[in-house]
PDB file of N, CA and C in Angstrom:
ATOM      1  N   MET A   1      48.144 145.514  86.438  1.00  0.00           N
ATOM      2  CA  MET A   1      48.212 144.339  87.298  1.00  0.00           C
ATOM      3  C   MET A   1      49.299 143.406  86.768  1.00  0.00           C
ATOM      4  N   ASP A   2      50.025 142.799  87.682  1.00  0.00           N
ATOM      5  CA  ASP A   2      51.049 141.831  87.305  1.00  0.00           C
ATOM      6  C   ASP A   2      50.399 140.562  86.792  1.00  0.00           C
ATOM      7  N   SER A   3      51.165 139.833  86.000  1.00  0.00           N
ATOM      8  CA  SER A   3      50.641 138.567  85.489  1.00  0.00           C
ATOM      9  C   SER A   3      50.680 137.505  86.579  1.00  0.00           C
ATOM     10  N   ILE A   4      49.803 136.534  86.446  1.00  0.00           N
ATOM     11  CA  ILE A   4      49.762 135.363  87.311  1.00  0.00           C
ATOM     12  C   ILE A   4      50.297 134.208  86.485  1.00  0.00           C
ATOM     13  N   LYS A   5      51.249 133.465  87.033  1.00  0.00           N
ATOM     14  CA  LYS A   5      51.844 132.356  86.299  1.00  0.00           C
ATOM     15  C   LYS A   5      51.467 131.036  86.955  1.00  0.00           C
ATOM     16  N   VAL A   6      51.058 130.089  86.111  1.00  0.00           N
ATOM     17  CA  VAL A   6      50.700 128.744  86.550  1.00  0.00           C
ATOM     18  C   VAL A   6      51.436 127.769  85.636  1.00  0.00           C
ATOM     19  N   ARG A   7      51.967 126.687  86.219  1.00  0.00           N
ATOM     20  CA  ARG A   7      52.637 125.664  85.421  1.00  0.00           C
ATOM     21  C   ARG A   7      51.783 124.402  85.427  1.00  0.00           C
ATOM     22  N   TYR A   8      51.527 123.878  84.233  1.00  0.00           N
ATOM     23  CA  TYR A   8      50.817 122.610  84.081  1.00  0.00           C
ATOM     24  C   TYR A   8      51.748 121.624  83.383  1.00  0.00           C
ATOM     25  N   PHE A   9      51.731 120.399  83.852  1.00  0.00           N
ATOM     26  CA  PHE A   9      52.454 119.317  83.206  1.00  0.00           C
ATOM     27  C   PHE A   9      51.470 118.574  82.320  1.00  0.00           C
ATOM     28  N   VAL A  10      51.910 118.248  81.109  1.00  0.00           N
ATOM     29  CA  VAL A  10      51.012 117.676  80.111  1.00  0.00           C
ATOM     30  C   VAL A  10      51.672 116.492  79.411  1.00  0.00           C
ATOM     31  N   ASP A  11      50.858 115.719  78.712  1.00  0.00           N
ATOM     32  CA  ASP A  11      51.363 114.597  77.932  1.00  0.00           C
ATOM     33  C   ASP A  11      51.862 115.041  76.564  1.00  0.00           C
ATOM     34  N   ASP A  12      51.204 116.044  75.969  1.00  0.00           N
ATOM     35  CA  ASP A  12      51.489 116.457  74.597  1.00  0.00           C
ATOM     36  C   ASP A  12      51.352 117.980  74.511  1.00  0.00           C
ATOM     37  N   VAL A  13      52.466 118.672  74.366  1.00  0.00           N
ATOM     38  CA  VAL A  13      52.465 120.137  74.343  1.00  0.00           C
ATOM     39  C   VAL A  13      51.671 120.672  73.158  1.00  0.00           C
ATOM     40  N   ASP A  14      51.824 120.072  71.979  1.00  0.00           N
ATOM     41  CA  ASP A  14      51.100 120.560  70.803  1.00  0.00           C
ATOM     42  C   ASP A  14      49.587 120.413  70.966  1.00  0.00           C
ATOM     43  N   ALA A  15      49.129 119.297  71.516  1.00  0.00           N
ATOM     44  CA  ALA A  15      47.693 119.105  71.763  1.00  0.00           C
ATOM     45  C   ALA A  15      47.191 120.117  72.785  1.00  0.00           C
ATOM     46  N   THR A  16      48.011 120.413  73.772  1.00  0.00           N
ATOM     47  CA  THR A  16      47.639 121.389  74.802  1.00  0.00           C
ATOM     48  C   THR A  16      47.532 122.786  74.206  1.00  0.00           C
ATOM     49  N   ILE A  17      48.481 123.151  73.357  1.00  0.00           N
ATOM     50  CA  ILE A  17      48.424 124.459  72.689  1.00  0.00           C
ATOM     51  C   ILE A  17      47.139 124.570  71.873  1.00  0.00           C
ATOM     52  N   ALA A  18      46.832 123.546  71.097  1.00  0.00           N
ATOM     53  CA  ALA A  18      45.610 123.565  70.284  1.00  0.00           C
ATOM     54  C   ALA A  18      44.376 123.717  71.156  1.00  0.00           C
ATOM     55  N   PHE A  19      44.302 122.977  72.240  1.00  0.00           N
ATOM     56  CA  PHE A  19      43.151 123.030  73.153  1.00  0.00           C
ATOM     57  C   PHE A  19      42.948 124.442  73.705  1.00  0.00           C
ATOM     58  N   TYR A  20      43.981 125.009  74.301  1.00  0.00           N
ATOM     59  CA  TYR A  20      43.840 126.303  74.960  1.00  0.00           C
ATOM     60  C   TYR A  20      43.628 127.444  73.967  1.00  0.00           C
ATOM     61  N   THR A  21      44.252 127.381  72.798  1.00  0.00           N
ATOM     62  CA  THR A  21      44.064 128.463  71.829  1.00  0.00           C
ATOM     63  C   THR A  21      42.739 128.356  71.091  1.00  0.00           C
ATOM     64  N   GLN A  22      42.304 127.162  70.765  1.00  0.00           N
ATOM     65  CA  GLN A  22      41.059 126.984  70.009  1.00  0.00           C
ATOM     66  C   GLN A  22      39.808 127.114  70.868  1.00  0.00           C
ATOM     67  N   HIS A  23      39.884 126.707  72.124  1.00  0.00           N
ATOM     68  CA  HIS A  23      38.673 126.641  72.939  1.00  0.00           C
ATOM     69  C   HIS A  23      38.595 127.675  74.052  1.00  0.00           C
ATOM     70  N   LEU A  24      39.725 128.209  74.510  1.00  0.00           N
ATOM     71  CA  LEU A  24      39.709 129.077  75.687  1.00  0.00           C
ATOM     72  C   LEU A  24      40.403 130.423  75.467  1.00  0.00           C
ATOM     73  N   ASP A  25      40.611 130.810  74.224  1.00  0.00           N
ATOM     74  CA  ASP A  25      41.106 132.145  73.862  1.00  0.00           C
ATOM     75  C   ASP A  25      42.494 132.488  74.392  1.00  0.00           C
ATOM     76  N   PHE A  26      43.358 131.496  74.572  1.00  0.00           N
ATOM     77  CA  PHE A  26      44.752 131.769  74.915  1.00  0.00           C
ATOM     78  C   PHE A  26      45.519 132.057  73.627  1.00  0.00           C
ATOM     79  N   ILE A  27      46.635 132.748  73.765  1.00  0.00           N
ATOM     80  CA  ILE A  27      47.552 132.938  72.646  1.00  0.00           C
ATOM     81  C   ILE A  27      48.895 132.298  73.024  1.00  0.00           C
ATOM     82  N   VAL A  28      49.667 131.928  72.013  1.00  0.00           N
ATOM     83  CA  VAL A  28      50.995 131.362  72.253  1.00  0.00           C
ATOM     84  C   VAL A  28      51.968 132.527  72.394  1.00  0.00           C
ATOM     85  N   LYS A  29      52.545 132.638  73.565  1.00  0.00           N
ATOM     86  CA  LYS A  29      53.543 133.684  73.797  1.00  0.00           C
ATOM     87  C   LYS A  29      54.898 133.220  73.273  1.00  0.00           C
ATOM     88  N   THR A  30      55.240 131.963  73.529  1.00  0.00           N
ATOM     89  CA  THR A  30      56.458 131.370  72.997  1.00  0.00           C
ATOM     90  C   THR A  30      56.353 129.850  73.037  1.00  0.00           C
ATOM     91  N   HIS A  31      57.012 129.214  72.085  1.00  0.00           N
ATOM     92  CA  HIS A  31      57.057 127.748  72.004  1.00  0.00           C
ATOM     93  C   HIS A  31      58.469 127.375  71.546  1.00  0.00           C
ATOM     94  N   PRO A  32      59.464 127.546  72.445  1.00  0.00           N
ATOM     95  CA  PRO A  32      60.855 127.406  72.043  1.00  0.00           C
ATOM     96  C   PRO A  32      61.356 125.977  71.854  1.00  0.00           C
ATOM     97  N   ALA A  33      60.604 125.007  72.351  1.00  0.00           N
ATOM     98  CA  ALA A  33      61.036 123.607  72.247  1.00  0.00           C
ATOM     99  C   ALA A  33      59.796 122.719  72.229  1.00  0.00           C
ATOM    100  N   PRO A  34      59.893 121.509  71.678  1.00  0.00           N
ATOM    101  CA  PRO A  34      58.725 120.624  71.602  1.00  0.00           C
ATOM    102  C   PRO A  34      58.132 120.265  72.963  1.00  0.00           C
ATOM    103  N   PHE A  35      58.929 120.383  74.015  1.00  0.00           N
ATOM    104  CA  PHE A  35      58.480 119.983  75.350  1.00  0.00           C
ATOM    105  C   PHE A  35      58.089 121.160  76.241  1.00  0.00           C
ATOM    106  N   PHE A  36      58.004 122.379  75.674  1.00  0.00           N
ATOM    107  CA  PHE A  36      57.685 123.550  76.502  1.00  0.00           C
ATOM    108  C   PHE A  36      57.030 124.644  75.675  1.00  0.00           C
ATOM    109  N   ALA A  37      56.042 125.315  76.282  1.00  0.00           N
ATOM    110  CA  ALA A  37      55.412 126.486  75.664  1.00  0.00           C
ATOM    111  C   ALA A  37      54.891 127.401  76.763  1.00  0.00           C
ATOM    112  N   ILE A  38      54.734 128.661  76.405  1.00  0.00           N
ATOM    113  CA  ILE A  38      54.121 129.629  77.304  1.00  0.00           C
ATOM    114  C   ILE A  38      52.899 130.190  76.589  1.00  0.00           C
ATOM    115  N   LEU A  39      51.743 130.071  77.241  1.00  0.00           N
ATOM    116  CA  LEU A  39      50.477 130.563  76.702  1.00  0.00           C
ATOM    117  C   LEU A  39      50.006 131.724  77.567  1.00  0.00           C
ATOM    118  N   GLU A  40      49.169 132.574  76.986  1.00  0.00           N
ATOM    119  CA  GLU A  40      48.728 133.763  77.706  1.00  0.00           C
ATOM    120  C   GLU A  40      47.265 134.043  77.431  1.00  0.00           C
ATOM    121  N   ARG A  41      46.562 134.445  78.485  1.00  0.00           N
ATOM    122  CA  ARG A  41      45.173 134.913  78.375  1.00  0.00           C
ATOM    123  C   ARG A  41      45.009 136.018  79.402  1.00  0.00           C
ATOM    124  N   GLY A  42      44.941 137.249  78.938  1.00  0.00           N
ATOM    125  CA  GLY A  42      44.873 138.376  79.866  1.00  0.00           C
ATOM    126  C   GLY A  42      46.115 138.393  80.753  1.00  0.00           C
ATOM    127  N   ASN A  43      45.906 138.431  82.066  1.00  0.00           N
ATOM    128  CA  ASN A  43      47.018 138.456  83.016  1.00  0.00           C
ATOM    129  C   ASN A  43      47.504 137.073  83.414  1.00  0.00           C
ATOM    130  N   LEU A  44      46.932 136.029  82.830  1.00  0.00           N
ATOM    131  CA  LEU A  44      47.317 134.662  83.172  1.00  0.00           C
ATOM    132  C   LEU A  44      48.351 134.140  82.185  1.00  0.00           C
ATOM    133  N   ILE A  45      49.479 133.725  82.694  1.00  0.00           N
ATOM    134  CA  ILE A  45      50.538 133.099  81.905  1.00  0.00           C
ATOM    135  C   ILE A  45      50.542 131.622  82.283  1.00  0.00           C
ATOM    136  N   LEU A  46      50.337 130.755  81.301  1.00  0.00           N
ATOM    137  CA  LEU A  46      50.304 129.312  81.535  1.00  0.00           C
ATOM    138  C   LEU A  46      51.566 128.699  80.941  1.00  0.00           C
ATOM    139  N   LEU A  47      52.414 128.183  81.821  1.00  0.00           N
ATOM    140  CA  LEU A  47      53.636 127.502  81.403  1.00  0.00           C
ATOM    141  C   LEU A  47      53.304 126.031  81.244  1.00  0.00           C
ATOM    142  N   VAL A  48      53.553 125.484  80.072  1.00  0.00           N
ATOM    143  CA  VAL A  48      53.168 124.117  79.739  1.00  0.00           C
ATOM    144  C   VAL A  48      54.431 123.280  79.532  1.00  0.00           C
ATOM    145  N   ASN A  49      54.607 122.274  80.369  1.00  0.00           N
ATOM    146  CA  ASN A  49      55.766 121.386  80.277  1.00  0.00           C
ATOM    147  C   ASN A  49      55.323 119.973  79.964  1.00  0.00           C
ATOM    148  N   ALA A  50      55.978 119.336  78.980  1.00  0.00           N
ATOM    149  CA  ALA A  50      55.754 117.904  78.755  1.00  0.00           C
ATOM    150  C   ALA A  50      56.304 117.170  79.973  1.00  0.00           C
ATOM    151  N   LYS A  51      55.535 116.217  80.487  1.00  0.00           N
ATOM    152  CA  LYS A  51      55.953 115.535  81.724  1.00  0.00           C
ATOM    153  C   LYS A  51      57.268 114.787  81.549  1.00  0.00           C
ATOM    154  N   ASN A  52      57.610 114.414  80.340  1.00  0.00           N
ATOM    155  CA  ASN A  52      58.870 113.714  80.084  1.00  0.00           C
ATOM    156  C   ASN A  52      59.862 114.602  79.347  1.00  0.00           C
ATOM    157  N   GLY A  53      59.689 115.908  79.470  1.00  0.00           N
ATOM    158  CA  GLY A  53      60.558 116.843  78.772  1.00  0.00           C
ATOM    159  C   GLY A  53      61.917 116.982  79.428  1.00  0.00           C
ATOM    160  N   GLN A  54      62.691 117.911  78.896  1.00  0.00           N
ATOM    161  CA  GLN A  54      64.056 118.118  79.369  1.00  0.00           C
ATOM    162  C   GLN A  54      64.195 119.342  80.252  1.00  0.00           C
ATOM    163  N   ALA A  55      63.103 120.004  80.559  1.00  0.00           N
ATOM    164  CA  ALA A  55      63.162 121.224  81.355  1.00  0.00           C
ATOM    165  C   ALA A  55      63.427 120.918  82.822  1.00  0.00           C
ATOM    166  N   GLY A  56      63.938 121.906  83.530  1.00  0.00           N
ATOM    167  CA  GLY A  56      64.232 121.739  84.947  1.00  0.00           C
ATOM    168  C   GLY A  56      63.008 121.404  85.779  1.00  0.00           C
ATOM    169  N   ALA A  57      61.851 121.932  85.383  1.00  0.00           N
ATOM    170  CA  ALA A  57      60.630 121.695  86.158  1.00  0.00           C
ATOM    171  C   ALA A  57      60.184 120.243  86.144  1.00  0.00           C
ATOM    172  N   THR A  58      60.684 119.452  85.204  1.00  0.00           N
ATOM    173  CA  THR A  58      60.259 118.049  85.102  1.00  0.00           C
ATOM    174  C   THR A  58      61.201 117.097  85.831  1.00  0.00           C
ATOM    175  N   GLN A  59      62.235 117.635  86.448  1.00  0.00           N
ATOM    176  CA  GLN A  59      63.203 116.786  87.128  1.00  0.00           C
ATOM    177  C   GLN A  59      62.588 116.133  88.365  1.00  0.00           C
ATOM    178  N   ALA A  60      63.050 114.937  88.666  1.00  0.00           N
ATOM    179  CA  ALA A  60      62.548 114.185  89.825  1.00  0.00           C
ATOM    180  C   ALA A  60      62.942 114.877  91.123  1.00  0.00           C
ATOM    181  N   MET A  61      62.099 114.715  92.137  1.00  0.00           N
ATOM    182  CA  MET A  61      62.385 115.191  93.482  1.00  0.00           C
ATOM    183  C   MET A  61      63.391 114.219  94.127  1.00  0.00           C
ATOM    184  N   PRO A  62      63.997 114.610  95.230  1.00  0.00           N
ATOM    185  CA  PRO A  62      64.963 113.720  95.871  1.00  0.00           C
ATOM    186  C   PRO A  62      64.408 112.331  96.205  1.00  0.00           C
ATOM    187  N   ASP A  63      63.102 112.248  96.463  1.00  0.00           N
ATOM    188  CA  ASP A  63      62.509 110.939  96.789  1.00  0.00           C
ATOM    189  C   ASP A  63      62.094 110.153  95.548  1.00  0.00           C
ATOM    190  N   GLY A  64      62.380 110.692  94.352  1.00  0.00           N
ATOM    191  CA  GLY A  64      62.087 109.981  93.110  1.00  0.00           C
ATOM    192  C   GLY A  64      60.772 110.353  92.439  1.00  0.00           C
ATOM    193  N   ARG A  65      59.886 111.065  93.144  1.00  0.00           N
ATOM    194  CA  ARG A  65      58.613 111.464  92.525  1.00  0.00           C
ATOM    195  C   ARG A  65      58.862 112.443  91.387  1.00  0.00           C
ATOM    196  N   LYS A  66      58.037 112.315  90.322  1.00  0.00           N
ATOM    197  CA  LYS A  66      58.125 113.207  89.172  1.00  0.00           C
ATOM    198  C   LYS A  66      56.789 113.915  88.985  1.00  0.00           C
ATOM    199  N   PRO A  67      56.815 115.130  88.449  1.00  0.00           N
ATOM    200  CA  PRO A  67      55.568 115.844  88.175  1.00  0.00           C
ATOM    201  C   PRO A  67      54.692 115.070  87.193  1.00  0.00           C
ATOM    202  N   GLU A  68      53.397 115.093  87.429  1.00  0.00           N
ATOM    203  CA  GLU A  68      52.416 114.412  86.582  1.00  0.00           C
ATOM    204  C   GLU A  68      51.245 115.350  86.318  1.00  0.00           C
ATOM    205  N   PRO A  69      50.593 115.207  85.172  1.00  0.00           N
ATOM    206  CA  PRO A  69      49.388 115.996  84.908  1.00  0.00           C
ATOM    207  C   PRO A  69      48.216 115.519  85.760  1.00  0.00           C
ATOM    208  N   GLY A  70      47.183 116.341  85.801  1.00  0.00           N
ATOM    209  CA  GLY A  70      45.952 115.963  86.506  1.00  0.00           C
ATOM    210  C   GLY A  70      45.867 116.629  87.862  1.00  0.00           C
ATOM    211  N   GLY A  71      45.216 115.974  88.783  1.00  0.00           N
ATOM    212  CA  GLY A  71      45.056 116.532  90.119  1.00  0.00           C
ATOM    213  C   GLY A  71      43.814 117.397  90.220  1.00  0.00           C
ATOM    214  N   TRP A  72      43.760 118.197  91.278  1.00  0.00           N
ATOM    215  CA  TRP A  72      42.577 119.021  91.541  1.00  0.00           C
ATOM    216  C   TRP A  72      42.868 120.514  91.570  1.00  0.00           C
ATOM    217  N   ASN A  73      44.124 120.913  91.743  1.00  0.00           N
ATOM    218  CA  ASN A  73      44.430 122.339  91.655  1.00  0.00           C
ATOM    219  C   ASN A  73      44.125 122.783  90.238  1.00  0.00           C
ATOM    220  N   ARG A  74      43.674 124.017  90.075  1.00  0.00           N
ATOM    221  CA  ARG A  74      43.227 124.414  88.750  1.00  0.00           C
ATOM    222  C   ARG A  74      43.256 125.921  88.571  1.00  0.00           C
ATOM    223  N   ILE A  75      43.253 126.318  87.305  1.00  0.00           N
ATOM    224  CA  ILE A  75      43.043 127.720  86.997  1.00  0.00           C
ATOM    225  C   ILE A  75      41.530 127.925  86.898  1.00  0.00           C
ATOM    226  N   LEU A  76      41.104 129.141  87.133  1.00  0.00           N
ATOM    227  CA  LEU A  76      39.690 129.492  87.054  1.00  0.00           C
ATOM    228  C   LEU A  76      39.551 130.574  85.995  1.00  0.00           C
ATOM    229  N   ILE A  77      38.656 130.343  85.050  1.00  0.00           N
ATOM    230  CA  ILE A  77      38.365 131.327  84.017  1.00  0.00           C
ATOM    231  C   ILE A  77      36.928 131.783  84.211  1.00  0.00           C
ATOM    232  N   GLU A  78      36.770 133.088  84.454  1.00  0.00           N
ATOM    233  CA  GLU A  78      35.433 133.644  84.645  1.00  0.00           C
ATOM    234  C   GLU A  78      34.797 133.859  83.274  1.00  0.00           C
ATOM    235  N   VAL A  79      33.543 133.425  83.139  1.00  0.00           N
ATOM    236  CA  VAL A  79      32.844 133.504  81.857  1.00  0.00           C
ATOM    237  C   VAL A  79      31.450 134.093  82.049  1.00  0.00           C
ATOM    238  N   ASN A  80      30.880 134.518  80.947  1.00  0.00           N
ATOM    239  CA  ASN A  80      29.466 134.884  80.889  1.00  0.00           C
ATOM    240  C   ASN A  80      28.773 133.752  80.140  1.00  0.00           C
ATOM    241  N   ASP A  81      27.545 133.455  80.453  1.00  0.00           N
ATOM    242  CA  ASP A  81      26.762 132.424  79.770  1.00  0.00           C
ATOM    243  C   ASP A  81      27.427 131.048  79.858  1.00  0.00           C
ATOM    244  N   LEU A  82      27.650 130.589  81.079  1.00  0.00           N
ATOM    245  CA  LEU A  82      28.290 129.300  81.296  1.00  0.00           C
ATOM    246  C   LEU A  82      27.552 128.178  80.574  1.00  0.00           C
ATOM    247  N   GLY A  83      26.234 128.181  80.645  1.00  0.00           N
ATOM    248  CA  GLY A  83      25.456 127.133  79.982  1.00  0.00           C
ATOM    249  C   GLY A  83      25.704 127.069  78.491  1.00  0.00           C
ATOM    250  N   GLY A  84      25.767 128.220  77.843  1.00  0.00           N
ATOM    251  CA  GLY A  84      26.013 128.261  76.404  1.00  0.00           C
ATOM    252  C   GLY A  84      27.417 127.795  76.051  1.00  0.00           C
ATOM    253  N   ILE A  85      28.389 128.192  76.854  1.00  0.00           N
ATOM    254  CA  ILE A  85      29.772 127.769  76.611  1.00  0.00           C
ATOM    255  C   ILE A  85      29.906 126.269  76.776  1.00  0.00           C
ATOM    256  N   VAL A  86      29.312 125.720  77.824  1.00  0.00           N
ATOM    257  CA  VAL A  86      29.380 124.275  78.066  1.00  0.00           C
ATOM    258  C   VAL A  86      28.733 123.513  76.918  1.00  0.00           C
ATOM    259  N   LYS A  87      27.602 123.996  76.453  1.00  0.00           N
ATOM    260  CA  LYS A  87      26.911 123.340  75.332  1.00  0.00           C
ATOM    261  C   LYS A  87      27.813 123.308  74.097  1.00  0.00           C
ATOM    262  N   THR A  88      28.451 124.432  73.793  1.00  0.00           N
ATOM    263  CA  THR A  88      29.352 124.502  72.639  1.00  0.00           C
ATOM    264  C   THR A  88      30.538 123.559  72.794  1.00  0.00           C
ATOM    265  N   LEU A  89      31.163 123.573  73.958  1.00  0.00           N
ATOM    266  CA  LEU A  89      32.349 122.737  74.178  1.00  0.00           C
ATOM    267  C   LEU A  89      32.003 121.251  74.175  1.00  0.00           C
ATOM    268  N   ARG A  90      30.835 120.898  74.673  1.00  0.00           N
ATOM    269  CA  ARG A  90      30.404 119.489  74.627  1.00  0.00           C
ATOM    270  C   ARG A  90      30.197 119.048  73.175  1.00  0.00           C
ATOM    271  N   LYS A  91      29.632 119.925  72.347  1.00  0.00           N
ATOM    272  CA  LYS A  91      29.447 119.599  70.930  1.00  0.00           C
ATOM    273  C   LYS A  91      30.787 119.376  70.244  1.00  0.00           C
ATOM    274  N   GLU A  92      31.824 120.045  70.745  1.00  0.00           N
ATOM    275  CA  GLU A  92      33.167 119.897  70.184  1.00  0.00           C
ATOM    276  C   GLU A  92      33.884 118.670  70.749  1.00  0.00           C
ATOM    277  N   GLY A  93      33.194 117.922  71.625  1.00  0.00           N
ATOM    278  CA  GLY A  93      33.744 116.677  72.145  1.00  0.00           C
ATOM    279  C   GLY A  93      34.680 116.818  73.325  1.00  0.00           C
ATOM    280  N   LEU A  94      34.674 117.965  73.989  1.00  0.00           N
ATOM    281  CA  LEU A  94      35.563 118.157  75.129  1.00  0.00           C
ATOM    282  C   LEU A  94      35.012 117.445  76.363  1.00  0.00           C
ATOM    283  N   HIS A  95      35.925 117.101  77.288  1.00  0.00           N
ATOM    284  CA  HIS A  95      35.562 116.302  78.464  1.00  0.00           C
ATOM    285  C   HIS A  95      35.397 117.170  79.706  1.00  0.00           C
ATOM    286  N   PHE A  96      34.256 117.017  80.358  1.00  0.00           N
ATOM    287  CA  PHE A  96      33.987 117.681  81.623  1.00  0.00           C
ATOM    288  C   PHE A  96      34.004 116.639  82.731  1.00  0.00           C
ATOM    289  N   ARG A  97      34.474 117.021  83.913  1.00  0.00           N
ATOM    290  CA  ARG A  97      34.479 116.119  85.069  1.00  0.00           C
ATOM    291  C   ARG A  97      33.108 116.016  85.721  1.00  0.00           C
ATOM    292  N   ASN A  98      32.282 117.016  85.530  1.00  0.00           N
ATOM    293  CA  ASN A  98      30.998 117.062  86.223  1.00  0.00           C
ATOM    294  C   ASN A  98      30.008 117.874  85.389  1.00  0.00           C
ATOM    295  N   ASP A  99      28.832 118.069  85.934  1.00  0.00           N
ATOM    296  CA  ASP A  99      27.850 118.968  85.344  1.00  0.00           C
ATOM    297  C   ASP A  99      27.966 120.312  86.060  1.00  0.00           C
ATOM    298  N   ILE A 100      27.270 121.312  85.576  1.00  0.00           N
ATOM    299  CA  ILE A 100      27.300 122.626  86.210  1.00  0.00           C
ATOM    300  C   ILE A 100      26.794 122.505  87.646  1.00  0.00           C
ATOM    301  N   VAL A 101      27.558 123.112  88.558  1.00  0.00           N
ATOM    302  CA  VAL A 101      27.227 123.103  89.979  1.00  0.00           C
ATOM    303  C   VAL A 101      26.929 124.532  90.400  1.00  0.00           C
ATOM    304  N   THR A 102      25.879 124.719  91.190  1.00  0.00           N
ATOM    305  CA  THR A 102      25.526 126.037  91.699  1.00  0.00           C
ATOM    306  C   THR A 102      25.995 126.170  93.137  1.00  0.00           C
ATOM    307  N   GLY A 103      26.711 127.260  93.413  1.00  0.00           N
ATOM    308  CA  GLY A 103      27.196 127.534  94.758  1.00  0.00           C
ATOM    309  C   GLY A 103      26.791 128.931  95.178  1.00  0.00           C
ATOM    310  N   ILE A 104      27.288 129.343  96.314  1.00  0.00           N
ATOM    311  CA  ILE A 104      26.945 130.661  96.864  1.00  0.00           C
ATOM    312  C   ILE A 104      27.375 131.784  95.922  1.00  0.00           C
ATOM    313  N   GLY A 105      28.574 131.650  95.337  1.00  0.00           N
ATOM    314  CA  GLY A 105      29.105 132.729  94.507  1.00  0.00           C
ATOM    315  C   GLY A 105      28.734 132.668  93.042  1.00  0.00           C
ATOM    316  N   GLY A 106      28.154 131.545  92.612  1.00  0.00           N
ATOM    317  CA  GLY A 106      27.808 131.421  91.208  1.00  0.00           C
ATOM    318  C   GLY A 106      27.793 129.981  90.757  1.00  0.00           C
ATOM    319  N   ASN A 107      27.943 129.780  89.457  1.00  0.00           N
ATOM    320  CA  ASN A 107      27.914 128.434  88.863  1.00  0.00           C
ATOM    321  C   ASN A 107      29.294 128.084  88.330  1.00  0.00           C
ATOM    322  N   GLN A 108      29.609 126.787  88.382  1.00  0.00           N
ATOM    323  CA  GLN A 108      30.916 126.352  87.905  1.00  0.00           C
ATOM    324  C   GLN A 108      30.844 124.949  87.333  1.00  0.00           C
ATOM    325  N   ILE A 109      31.868 124.622  86.540  1.00  0.00           N
ATOM    326  CA  ILE A 109      32.027 123.287  85.991  1.00  0.00           C
ATOM    327  C   ILE A 109      33.526 123.062  85.772  1.00  0.00           C
ATOM    328  N   LEU A 110      33.953 121.813  85.837  1.00  0.00           N
ATOM    329  CA  LEU A 110      35.361 121.494  85.616  1.00  0.00           C
ATOM    330  C   LEU A 110      35.540 120.851  84.245  1.00  0.00           C
ATOM    331  N   LEU A 111      36.361 121.491  83.432  1.00  0.00           N
ATOM    332  CA  LEU A 111      36.728 121.037  82.096  1.00  0.00           C
ATOM    333  C   LEU A 111      38.138 120.481  82.166  1.00  0.00           C
ATOM    334  N   ASP A 112      38.395 119.318  81.564  1.00  0.00           N
ATOM    335  CA  ASP A 112      39.742 118.752  81.517  1.00  0.00           C
ATOM    336  C   ASP A 112      40.445 119.159  80.232  1.00  0.00           C
ATOM    337  N   ASP A 113      41.733 119.528  80.341  1.00  0.00           N
ATOM    338  CA  ASP A 113      42.525 119.728  79.135  1.00  0.00           C
ATOM    339  C   ASP A 113      42.977 118.355  78.632  1.00  0.00           C
ATOM    340  N   PRO A 114      43.688 118.265  77.521  1.00  0.00           N
ATOM    341  CA  PRO A 114      44.040 116.955  76.968  1.00  0.00           C
ATOM    342  C   PRO A 114      44.855 116.061  77.901  1.00  0.00           C
ATOM    343  N   ALA A 115      45.563 116.644  78.875  1.00  0.00           N
ATOM    344  CA  ALA A 115      46.364 115.853  79.811  1.00  0.00           C
ATOM    345  C   ALA A 115      45.607 115.528  81.091  1.00  0.00           C
ATOM    346  N   GLY A 116      44.370 116.024  81.218  1.00  0.00           N
ATOM    347  CA  GLY A 116      43.596 115.780  82.430  1.00  0.00           C
ATOM    348  C   GLY A 116      43.744 116.860  83.483  1.00  0.00           C
ATOM    349  N   ASN A 117      44.388 117.989  83.138  1.00  0.00           N
ATOM    350  CA  ASN A 117      44.474 119.113  84.069  1.00  0.00           C
ATOM    351  C   ASN A 117      43.133 119.842  84.056  1.00  0.00           C
ATOM    352  N   PRO A 118      42.589 120.143  85.232  1.00  0.00           N
ATOM    353  CA  PRO A 118      41.278 120.787  85.272  1.00  0.00           C
ATOM    354  C   PRO A 118      41.333 122.296  85.069  1.00  0.00           C
ATOM    355  N   ILE A 119      40.294 122.800  84.429  1.00  0.00           N
ATOM    356  CA  ILE A 119      40.056 124.234  84.291  1.00  0.00           C
ATOM    357  C   ILE A 119      38.655 124.469  84.831  1.00  0.00           C
ATOM    358  N   GLU A 120      38.537 125.369  85.783  1.00  0.00           N
ATOM    359  CA  GLU A 120      37.208 125.707  86.295  1.00  0.00           C
ATOM    360  C   GLU A 120      36.657 126.855  85.469  1.00  0.00           C
ATOM    361  N   LEU A 121      35.515 126.637  84.834  1.00  0.00           N
ATOM    362  CA  LEU A 121      34.787 127.697  84.151  1.00  0.00           C
ATOM    363  C   LEU A 121      33.754 128.193  85.158  1.00  0.00           C
ATOM    364  N   PHE A 122      33.775 129.474  85.466  1.00  0.00           N
ATOM    365  CA  PHE A 122      32.981 130.031  86.564  1.00  0.00           C
ATOM    366  C   PHE A 122      32.185 131.229  86.091  1.00  0.00           C
ATOM    367  N   GLU A 123      30.875 131.192  86.368  1.00  0.00           N
ATOM    368  CA  GLU A 123      30.014 132.336  86.087  1.00  0.00           C
ATOM    369  C   GLU A 123      29.514 132.884  87.415  1.00  0.00           C
ATOM    370  N   PRO A 124      29.919 134.104  87.773  1.00  0.00           N
ATOM    371  CA  PRO A 124      29.500 134.666  89.052  1.00  0.00           C
ATOM    372  C   PRO A 124      27.985 134.833  89.133  1.00  0.00           C
ATOM    373  N   ALA A 125      27.479 134.769  90.354  1.00  0.00           N
ATOM    374  CA  ALA A 125      26.045 134.991  90.580  1.00  0.00           C
ATOM    375  C   ALA A 125      25.714 136.429  90.223  1.00  0.00           C
ATOM    376  N   SER A 126      24.507 136.664  89.780  1.00  0.00           N
ATOM    377  CA  SER A 126      24.063 138.027  89.472  1.00  0.00           C
ATOM    378  C   SER A 126      24.050 138.838  90.744  1.00  0.00           C
ATOM    379  N   LYS A 127      24.431 140.095  90.604  1.00  0.00           N
ATOM    380  CA  LYS A 127      24.488 140.971  91.780  1.00  0.00           C
ATOM    381  C   LYS A 127      23.241 141.782  91.894  1.00  0.00           C
TER     382      LYS A 127
END
């Protein structure tokens, strides 16, 4: 399967690297500059840009708007034992936007990275 690439804008690339590698099992594929890194987890490639960096992705649009962290679009990481993972991450002081929500397909919760970008942790319903 081909990799899926997602770009997140962040306040601090080093803090973001620490968050994703320590808590969500990503590895650093490359970190060529202080304002940019590429992280990997399975087929997911996460491109991390400092919002005030020098990369092309951070350049202003013609109307002057600049990329910012946060928002509601998100990556989804499928997990087993969502309750146990949430308990562990809360003990580590990580910030969640909500509590676990149950839906038709399973349970989910939104975890914020250090810049406020959401990650959906999702446990599918039992089949």
